[in-house]
Amino acid sequence: IRSRDEIQKAVSSCLLAITNAGISLYEMLAAGVP
């Protein structure tokens, strides 16, 4: 996926995330994603 809407939907519904430890990590924590 690439679009912002697709990413937002994935963040809201995924079981967990694997991310780099930059700003993406802070985004996942603020969104409540394990």
Full PDB file with SEQRES, HELIX, SHEET, SSBOND, CRYST1, ORIGX, SCALE, CONECT and MASTER records, all heavy atoms in Angstrom:
SEQRES   1 A   34  ILE ARG SER ARG ASP GLU ILE GLN LYS ALA VAL SER SER          
SEQRES   2 A   34  CYS LEU LEU ALA ILE THR ASN ALA GLY ILE SER LEU TYR          
SEQRES   3 A   34  GLU MET LEU ALA ALA GLY VAL PRO                              
HELIX    1 AA1 ARG A    4  SER A   13  1                                  10    
HELIX    2 AA2 ILE A   23  ALA A   31  1                                   9    
CRYST1    1.000    1.000    1.000  90.00  90.00  90.00 P 1           1          
ORIGX1      1.000000  0.000000  0.000000        0.00000                         
ORIGX2      0.000000  1.000000  0.000000        0.00000                         
ORIGX3      0.000000  0.000000  1.000000        0.00000                         
SCALE1      1.000000  0.000000  0.000000        0.00000                         
SCALE2      0.000000  1.000000  0.000000        0.00000                         
SCALE3      0.000000  0.000000  1.000000        0.00000                         
ATOM      1  N   ILE A   1       0.843  -1.197   0.000  1.00  0.00           N  
ATOM      2  CA  ILE A   1       0.000   0.000   0.000  1.00  0.00           C  
ATOM      3  C   ILE A   1       0.876   1.244   0.000  1.00  0.00           C  
ATOM      4  O   ILE A   1       2.051   1.211   0.385  1.00  0.00           O  
ATOM      5  CB  ILE A   1      -0.946   0.030   1.211  1.00  0.00           C  
ATOM      6  CG1 ILE A   1      -0.147   0.024   2.524  1.00  0.00           C  
ATOM      7  CG2 ILE A   1      -1.916  -1.139   1.151  1.00  0.00           C  
ATOM      8  CD1 ILE A   1      -1.014   0.169   3.756  1.00  0.00           C  
ATOM      9  N   ARG A   2       0.279   2.375  -0.425  1.00  0.00           N  
ATOM     10  CA  ARG A   2       1.027   3.616  -0.451  1.00  0.00           C  
ATOM     11  C   ARG A   2       0.223   4.814   0.039  1.00  0.00           C  
ATOM     12  O   ARG A   2       0.756   5.674   0.720  1.00  0.00           O  
ATOM     13  CB  ARG A   2       1.529   3.912  -1.863  1.00  0.00           C  
ATOM     14  CG  ARG A   2       2.443   5.135  -1.898  1.00  0.00           C  
ATOM     15  CD  ARG A   2       2.968   5.410  -3.278  1.00  0.00           C  
ATOM     16  NE  ARG A   2       3.993   6.437  -3.248  1.00  0.00           N  
ATOM     17  CZ  ARG A   2       4.583   6.938  -4.322  1.00  0.00           C  
ATOM     18  NH1 ARG A   2       4.249   6.479  -5.517  1.00  0.00           N  
ATOM     19  NH2 ARG A   2       5.497   7.865  -4.211  1.00  0.00           N  
ATOM     20  N   SER A   3      -1.053   4.892  -0.288  1.00  0.00           N  
ATOM     21  CA  SER A   3      -1.823   6.097   0.014  1.00  0.00           C  
ATOM     22  C   SER A   3      -2.009   6.252   1.519  1.00  0.00           C  
ATOM     23  O   SER A   3      -1.990   5.287   2.284  1.00  0.00           O  
ATOM     24  CB  SER A   3      -3.194   6.036  -0.664  1.00  0.00           C  
ATOM     25  OG  SER A   3      -4.059   5.136   0.012  1.00  0.00           O  
ATOM     26  N   ARG A   4      -2.209   7.505   1.902  1.00  0.00           N  
ATOM     27  CA  ARG A   4      -2.397   7.797   3.318  1.00  0.00           C  
ATOM     28  C   ARG A   4      -3.622   7.075   3.874  1.00  0.00           C  
ATOM     29  O   ARG A   4      -3.585   6.532   4.984  1.00  0.00           O  
ATOM     30  CB  ARG A   4      -2.547   9.299   3.521  1.00  0.00           C  
ATOM     31  CG  ARG A   4      -2.681   9.702   4.983  1.00  0.00           C  
ATOM     32  CD  ARG A   4      -2.921  11.182   5.149  1.00  0.00           C  
ATOM     33  NE  ARG A   4      -3.065  11.497   6.556  1.00  0.00           N  
ATOM     34  CZ  ARG A   4      -4.175  11.316   7.249  1.00  0.00           C  
ATOM     35  NH1 ARG A   4      -5.246  10.805   6.665  1.00  0.00           N  
ATOM     36  NH2 ARG A   4      -4.222  11.622   8.542  1.00  0.00           N  
ATOM     37  N   ASP A   5      -4.709   7.042   3.121  1.00  0.00           N  
ATOM     38  CA  ASP A   5      -5.926   6.379   3.589  1.00  0.00           C  
ATOM     39  C   ASP A   5      -5.689   4.886   3.803  1.00  0.00           C  
ATOM     40  O   ASP A   5      -6.172   4.306   4.785  1.00  0.00           O  
ATOM     41  CB  ASP A   5      -7.066   6.596   2.589  1.00  0.00           C  
ATOM     42  CG  ASP A   5      -7.595   8.022   2.621  1.00  0.00           C  
ATOM     43  OD1 ASP A   5      -7.290   8.751   3.587  1.00  0.00           O  
ATOM     44  OD2 ASP A   5      -8.302   8.409   1.666  1.00  0.00           O  
ATOM     45  N   GLU A   6      -4.949   4.265   2.880  1.00  0.00           N  
ATOM     46  CA  GLU A   6      -4.653   2.837   3.029  1.00  0.00           C  
ATOM     47  C   GLU A   6      -3.796   2.585   4.264  1.00  0.00           C  
ATOM     48  O   GLU A   6      -4.013   1.615   5.002  1.00  0.00           O  
ATOM     49  CB  GLU A   6      -3.925   2.325   1.786  1.00  0.00           C  
ATOM     50  CG  GLU A   6      -4.788   2.214   0.544  1.00  0.00           C  
ATOM     51  CD  GLU A   6      -3.976   1.793  -0.668  1.00  0.00           C  
ATOM     52  OE1 GLU A   6      -2.870   2.329  -0.880  1.00  0.00           O  
ATOM     53  OE2 GLU A   6      -4.449   0.895  -1.394  1.00  0.00           O  
ATOM     54  N   ILE A   7      -2.812   3.458   4.481  1.00  0.00           N  
ATOM     55  CA  ILE A   7      -1.937   3.300   5.644  1.00  0.00           C  
ATOM     56  C   ILE A   7      -2.731   3.476   6.929  1.00  0.00           C  
ATOM     57  O   ILE A   7      -2.583   2.700   7.882  1.00  0.00           O  
ATOM     58  CB  ILE A   7      -0.759   4.287   5.558  1.00  0.00           C  
ATOM     59  CG1 ILE A   7       0.161   3.898   4.395  1.00  0.00           C  
ATOM     60  CG2 ILE A   7       0.024   4.301   6.873  1.00  0.00           C  
ATOM     61  CD1 ILE A   7       1.238   4.919   4.090  1.00  0.00           C  
ATOM     62  N   GLN A   8      -3.594   4.495   6.965  1.00  0.00           N  
ATOM     63  CA  GLN A   8      -4.404   4.729   8.156  1.00  0.00           C  
ATOM     64  C   GLN A   8      -5.299   3.530   8.465  1.00  0.00           C  
ATOM     65  O   GLN A   8      -5.464   3.134   9.623  1.00  0.00           O  
ATOM     66  CB  GLN A   8      -5.265   5.984   7.958  1.00  0.00           C  
ATOM     67  CG  GLN A   8      -4.477   7.279   7.904  1.00  0.00           C  
ATOM     68  CD  GLN A   8      -4.028   7.734   9.276  1.00  0.00           C  
ATOM     69  OE1 GLN A   8      -3.317   7.015   9.981  1.00  0.00           O  
ATOM     70  NE2 GLN A   8      -4.424   8.916   9.673  1.00  0.00           N  
ATOM     71  N   LYS A   9      -5.877   2.956   7.432  1.00  0.00           N  
ATOM     72  CA  LYS A   9      -6.746   1.794   7.631  1.00  0.00           C  
ATOM     73  C   LYS A   9      -5.941   0.613   8.173  1.00  0.00           C  
ATOM     74  O   LYS A   9      -6.403  -0.108   9.064  1.00  0.00           O  
ATOM     75  CB  LYS A   9      -7.432   1.425   6.316  1.00  0.00           C  
ATOM     76  CG  LYS A   9      -8.438   0.299   6.454  1.00  0.00           C  
ATOM     77  CD  LYS A   9      -9.167   0.035   5.143  1.00  0.00           C  
ATOM     78  CE  LYS A   9     -10.173  -1.095   5.304  1.00  0.00           C  
ATOM     79  NZ  LYS A   9     -10.899  -1.370   4.034  1.00  0.00           N  
ATOM     80  N   ALA A  10      -4.728   0.425   7.635  1.00  0.00           N  
ATOM     81  CA  ALA A  10      -3.889  -0.679   8.102  1.00  0.00           C  
ATOM     82  C   ALA A  10      -3.503  -0.486   9.563  1.00  0.00           C  
ATOM     83  O   ALA A  10      -3.505  -1.439  10.356  1.00  0.00           O  
ATOM     84  CB  ALA A  10      -2.643  -0.779   7.226  1.00  0.00           C  
ATOM     85  N   VAL A  11      -3.156   0.745   9.937  1.00  0.00           N  
ATOM     86  CA  VAL A  11      -2.784   1.027  11.324  1.00  0.00           C  
ATOM     87  C   VAL A  11      -3.949   0.767  12.269  1.00  0.00           C  
ATOM     88  O   VAL A  11      -3.777   0.248  13.382  1.00  0.00           O  
ATOM     89  CB  VAL A  11      -2.285   2.484  11.450  1.00  0.00           C  
ATOM     90  CG1 VAL A  11      -2.108   2.877  12.916  1.00  0.00           C  
ATOM     91  CG2 VAL A  11      -0.964   2.663  10.708  1.00  0.00           C  
ATOM     92  N   SER A  12      -5.147   1.114  11.840  1.00  0.00           N  
ATOM     93  CA  SER A  12      -6.311   0.977  12.720  1.00  0.00           C  
ATOM     94  C   SER A  12      -6.742  -0.466  12.919  1.00  0.00           C  
ATOM     95  O   SER A  12      -7.396  -0.792  13.916  1.00  0.00           O  
ATOM     96  CB  SER A  12      -7.490   1.787  12.167  1.00  0.00           C  
ATOM     97  OG  SER A  12      -7.960   1.221  10.960  1.00  0.00           O  
ATOM     98  N   SER A  13      -6.368  -1.350  11.993  1.00  0.00           N  
ATOM     99  CA  SER A  13      -6.912  -2.709  12.050  1.00  0.00           C  
ATOM    100  C   SER A  13      -5.874  -3.818  12.163  1.00  0.00           C  
ATOM    101  O   SER A  13      -6.239  -4.988  12.338  1.00  0.00           O  
ATOM    102  CB  SER A  13      -7.767  -2.975  10.803  1.00  0.00           C  
ATOM    103  OG  SER A  13      -6.973  -2.883   9.627  1.00  0.00           O  
ATOM    104  N   CYS A  14      -4.582  -3.499  12.069  1.00  0.00           N  
ATOM    105  CA  CYS A  14      -3.564  -4.564  12.098  1.00  0.00           C  
ATOM    106  C   CYS A  14      -3.465  -5.192  13.488  1.00  0.00           C  
ATOM    107  O   CYS A  14      -3.785  -4.571  14.506  1.00  0.00           O  
ATOM    108  CB  CYS A  14      -2.199  -4.014  11.673  1.00  0.00           C  
ATOM    109  SG  CYS A  14      -1.471  -2.821  12.811  1.00  0.00           S  
ATOM    110  N   LEU A  15      -3.012  -6.427  13.504  1.00  0.00           N  
ATOM    111  CA  LEU A  15      -2.796  -7.117  14.778  1.00  0.00           C  
ATOM    112  C   LEU A  15      -1.597  -6.528  15.503  1.00  0.00           C  
ATOM    113  O   LEU A  15      -1.632  -6.273  16.713  1.00  0.00           O  
ATOM    114  CB  LEU A  15      -2.575  -8.605  14.525  1.00  0.00           C  
ATOM    115  CG  LEU A  15      -2.298  -9.464  15.756  1.00  0.00           C  
ATOM    116  CD1 LEU A  15      -3.520  -9.506  16.664  1.00  0.00           C  
ATOM    117  CD2 LEU A  15      -1.880 -10.876  15.346  1.00  0.00           C  
ATOM    118  N   LEU A  16      -0.509  -6.296  14.763  1.00  0.00           N  
ATOM    119  CA  LEU A  16       0.700  -5.705  15.312  1.00  0.00           C  
ATOM    120  C   LEU A  16       1.473  -5.070  14.171  1.00  0.00           C  
ATOM    121  O   LEU A  16       1.175  -5.284  13.000  1.00  0.00           O  
ATOM    122  CB  LEU A  16       1.545  -6.747  16.055  1.00  0.00           C  
ATOM    123  CG  LEU A  16       2.079  -7.948  15.258  1.00  0.00           C  
ATOM    124  CD1 LEU A  16       3.465  -7.666  14.687  1.00  0.00           C  
ATOM    125  CD2 LEU A  16       2.135  -9.187  16.146  1.00  0.00           C  
ATOM    126  N   ALA A  17       2.478  -4.268  14.524  1.00  0.00           N  
ATOM    127  CA  ALA A  17       3.292  -3.585  13.523  1.00  0.00           C  
ATOM    128  C   ALA A  17       4.760  -3.932  13.714  1.00  0.00           C  
ATOM    129  O   ALA A  17       5.221  -4.193  14.834  1.00  0.00           O  
ATOM    130  CB  ALA A  17       3.103  -2.070  13.609  1.00  0.00           C  
ATOM    131  N   ILE A  18       5.490  -3.917  12.610  1.00  0.00           N  
ATOM    132  CA  ILE A  18       6.949  -3.999  12.615  1.00  0.00           C  
ATOM    133  C   ILE A  18       7.433  -2.738  11.911  1.00  0.00           C  
ATOM    134  O   ILE A  18       7.115  -2.508  10.744  1.00  0.00           O  
ATOM    135  CB  ILE A  18       7.455  -5.255  11.891  1.00  0.00           C  
ATOM    136  CG1 ILE A  18       6.887  -6.515  12.546  1.00  0.00           C  
ATOM    137  CG2 ILE A  18       8.983  -5.295  11.886  1.00  0.00           C  
ATOM    138  CD1 ILE A  18       7.176  -7.794  11.773  1.00  0.00           C  
ATOM    139  N   THR A  19       8.177  -1.911  12.625  1.00  0.00           N  
ATOM    140  CA  THR A  19       8.532  -0.605  12.088  1.00  0.00           C  
ATOM    141  C   THR A  19       9.975  -0.258  12.423  1.00  0.00           C  
ATOM    142  O   THR A  19      10.586  -0.873  13.296  1.00  0.00           O  
ATOM    143  CB  THR A  19       7.596   0.477  12.660  1.00  0.00           C  
ATOM    144  OG1 THR A  19       7.938   1.748  12.109  1.00  0.00           O  
ATOM    145  CG2 THR A  19       7.718   0.560  14.167  1.00  0.00           C  
ATOM    146  N   ASN A  20      10.524   0.729  11.714  1.00  0.00           N  
ATOM    147  CA  ASN A  20      11.827   1.244  12.117  1.00  0.00           C  
ATOM    148  C   ASN A  20      11.656   2.086  13.377  1.00  0.00           C  
ATOM    149  O   ASN A  20      10.541   2.436  13.771  1.00  0.00           O  
ATOM    150  CB  ASN A  20      12.481   2.044  10.988  1.00  0.00           C  
ATOM    151  CG  ASN A  20      11.701   3.278  10.603  1.00  0.00           C  
ATOM    152  OD1 ASN A  20      11.306   4.085  11.432  1.00  0.00           O  
ATOM    153  ND2 ASN A  20      11.478   3.444   9.308  1.00  0.00           N  
ATOM    154  N   ALA A  21      12.757   2.411  14.020  1.00  0.00           N  
ATOM    155  CA  ALA A  21      12.703   3.105  15.307  1.00  0.00           C  
ATOM    156  C   ALA A  21      12.842   4.609  15.145  1.00  0.00           C  
ATOM    157  O   ALA A  21      13.352   5.297  16.032  1.00  0.00           O  
ATOM    158  CB  ALA A  21      13.784   2.563  16.244  1.00  0.00           C  
ATOM    159  N   GLY A  22      12.350   5.142  14.006  1.00  0.00           N  
ATOM    160  CA  GLY A  22      12.277   6.569  13.809  1.00  0.00           C  
ATOM    161  C   GLY A  22      10.891   7.075  14.157  1.00  0.00           C  
ATOM    162  O   GLY A  22      10.219   6.545  15.058  1.00  0.00           O  
ATOM    163  N   ILE A  23      10.421   8.091  13.424  1.00  0.00           N  
ATOM    164  CA  ILE A  23       9.118   8.679  13.724  1.00  0.00           C  
ATOM    165  C   ILE A  23       7.995   7.671  13.568  1.00  0.00           C  
ATOM    166  O   ILE A  23       6.966   7.756  14.249  1.00  0.00           O  
ATOM    167  CB  ILE A  23       8.877   9.921  12.843  1.00  0.00           C  
ATOM    168  CG1 ILE A  23       7.634  10.682  13.307  1.00  0.00           C  
ATOM    169  CG2 ILE A  23       8.755   9.545  11.373  1.00  0.00           C  
ATOM    170  CD1 ILE A  23       7.707  11.217  14.715  1.00  0.00           C  
ATOM    171  N   SER A  24       8.174   6.658  12.700  1.00  0.00           N  
ATOM    172  CA  SER A  24       7.128   5.645  12.528  1.00  0.00           C  
ATOM    173  C   SER A  24       6.833   4.925  13.843  1.00  0.00           C  
ATOM    174  O   SER A  24       5.678   4.566  14.119  1.00  0.00           O  
ATOM    175  CB  SER A  24       7.533   4.623  11.465  1.00  0.00           C  
ATOM    176  OG  SER A  24       7.639   5.216  10.201  1.00  0.00           O  
ATOM    177  N   LEU A  25       7.846   4.712  14.655  1.00  0.00           N  
ATOM    178  CA  LEU A  25       7.639   4.044  15.932  1.00  0.00           C  
ATOM    179  C   LEU A  25       6.753   4.890  16.845  1.00  0.00           C  
ATOM    180  O   LEU A  25       5.813   4.389  17.479  1.00  0.00           O  
ATOM    181  CB  LEU A  25       8.988   3.759  16.601  1.00  0.00           C  
ATOM    182  CG  LEU A  25       8.931   3.146  18.007  1.00  0.00           C  
ATOM    183  CD1 LEU A  25       8.109   1.860  18.010  1.00  0.00           C  
ATOM    184  CD2 LEU A  25      10.344   2.890  18.524  1.00  0.00           C  
ATOM    185  N   TYR A  26       7.037   6.188  16.907  1.00  0.00           N  
ATOM    186  CA  TYR A  26       6.213   7.083  17.719  1.00  0.00           C  
ATOM    187  C   TYR A  26       4.767   7.096  17.213  1.00  0.00           C  
ATOM    188  O   TYR A  26       3.820   7.153  18.011  1.00  0.00           O  
ATOM    189  CB  TYR A  26       6.794   8.494  17.696  1.00  0.00           C  
ATOM    190  CG  TYR A  26       8.113   8.653  18.417  1.00  0.00           C  
ATOM    191  CD1 TYR A  26       9.318   8.384  17.773  1.00  0.00           C  
ATOM    192  CD2 TYR A  26       8.154   9.088  19.738  1.00  0.00           C  
ATOM    193  CE1 TYR A  26      10.532   8.548  18.424  1.00  0.00           C  
ATOM    194  CE2 TYR A  26       9.364   9.258  20.403  1.00  0.00           C  
ATOM    195  CZ  TYR A  26      10.552   8.986  19.740  1.00  0.00           C  
ATOM    196  OH  TYR A  26      11.757   9.138  20.396  1.00  0.00           O  
ATOM    197  N   GLU A  27       4.593   7.060  15.885  1.00  0.00           N  
ATOM    198  CA  GLU A  27       3.250   7.031  15.307  1.00  0.00           C  
ATOM    199  C   GLU A  27       2.495   5.779  15.772  1.00  0.00           C  
ATOM    200  O   GLU A  27       1.314   5.854  16.128  1.00  0.00           O  
ATOM    201  CB  GLU A  27       3.339   7.031  13.777  1.00  0.00           C  
ATOM    202  CG  GLU A  27       3.979   8.256  13.162  1.00  0.00           C  
ATOM    203  CD  GLU A  27       2.996   9.368  12.862  1.00  0.00           C  
ATOM    204  OE1 GLU A  27       1.802   9.238  13.244  1.00  0.00           O  
ATOM    205  OE2 GLU A  27       3.411  10.370  12.253  1.00  0.00           O  
ATOM    206  N   MET A  28       3.166   4.629  15.763  1.00  0.00           N  
ATOM    207  CA  MET A  28       2.508   3.390  16.168  1.00  0.00           C  
ATOM    208  C   MET A  28       2.120   3.438  17.645  1.00  0.00           C  
ATOM    209  O   MET A  28       1.031   2.993  18.028  1.00  0.00           O  
ATOM    210  CB  MET A  28       3.420   2.184  15.908  1.00  0.00           C  
ATOM    211  CG  MET A  28       3.711   1.890  14.450  1.00  0.00           C  
ATOM    212  SD  MET A  28       2.249   1.614  13.441  1.00  0.00           S  
ATOM    213  CE  MET A  28       2.281   3.118  12.457  1.00  0.00           C  
ATOM    214  N   LEU A  29       2.986   3.983  18.487  1.00  0.00           N  
ATOM    215  CA  LEU A  29       2.675   4.057  19.912  1.00  0.00           C  
ATOM    216  C   LEU A  29       1.485   4.974  20.160  1.00  0.00           C  
ATOM    217  O   LEU A  29       0.591   4.654  20.953  1.00  0.00           O  
ATOM    218  CB  LEU A  29       3.899   4.549  20.692  1.00  0.00           C  
ATOM    219  CG  LEU A  29       5.125   3.630  20.646  1.00  0.00           C  
ATOM    220  CD1 LEU A  29       6.257   4.198  21.484  1.00  0.00           C  
ATOM    221  CD2 LEU A  29       4.786   2.223  21.107  1.00  0.00           C  
ATOM    222  N   ALA A  30       1.465   6.126  19.492  1.00  0.00           N  
ATOM    223  CA  ALA A  30       0.349   7.055  19.671  1.00  0.00           C  
ATOM    224  C   ALA A  30      -0.967   6.438  19.207  1.00  0.00           C  
ATOM    225  O   ALA A  30      -2.035   6.731  19.764  1.00  0.00           O  
ATOM    226  CB  ALA A  30       0.616   8.347  18.909  1.00  0.00           C  
ATOM    227  N   ALA A  31      -0.900   5.574  18.198  1.00  0.00           N  
ATOM    228  CA  ALA A  31      -2.099   4.923  17.667  1.00  0.00           C  
ATOM    229  C   ALA A  31      -2.502   3.690  18.466  1.00  0.00           C  
ATOM    230  O   ALA A  31      -3.561   3.102  18.202  1.00  0.00           O  
ATOM    231  CB  ALA A  31      -1.887   4.542  16.204  1.00  0.00           C  
ATOM    232  N   GLY A  32      -1.677   3.276  19.408  1.00  0.00           N  
ATOM    233  CA  GLY A  32      -2.003   2.116  20.223  1.00  0.00           C  
ATOM    234  C   GLY A  32      -1.784   0.789  19.545  1.00  0.00           C  
ATOM    235  O   GLY A  32      -2.534  -0.173  19.765  1.00  0.00           O  
ATOM    236  N   VAL A  33      -0.728   0.704  18.716  1.00  0.00           N  
ATOM    237  CA  VAL A  33      -0.431  -0.530  17.984  1.00  0.00           C  
ATOM    238  C   VAL A  33       0.711  -1.282  18.675  1.00  0.00           C  
ATOM    239  O   VAL A  33       1.787  -0.704  18.872  1.00  0.00           O  
ATOM    240  CB  VAL A  33      -0.028  -0.223  16.526  1.00  0.00           C  
ATOM    241  CG1 VAL A  33       0.238  -1.521  15.771  1.00  0.00           C  
ATOM    242  CG2 VAL A  33      -1.106   0.588  15.833  1.00  0.00           C  
ATOM    243  N   PRO A  34       0.528  -2.544  19.049  1.00  0.00           N  
ATOM    244  CA  PRO A  34       1.653  -3.325  19.573  1.00  0.00           C  
ATOM    245  C   PRO A  34       2.745  -3.411  18.514  1.00  0.00           C  
ATOM    246  O   PRO A  34       2.464  -3.759  17.355  1.00  0.00           O  
ATOM    247  CB  PRO A  34       1.042  -4.709  19.839  1.00  0.00           C  
ATOM    248  CG  PRO A  34      -0.437  -4.494  19.850  1.00  0.00           C  
ATOM    249  CD  PRO A  34      -0.715  -3.339  18.955  1.00  0.00           C  
TER     250      PRO A  34                                                      
MASTER        0    0    0    2    0    0    0    6  249    1    0    3          
END                                                                             
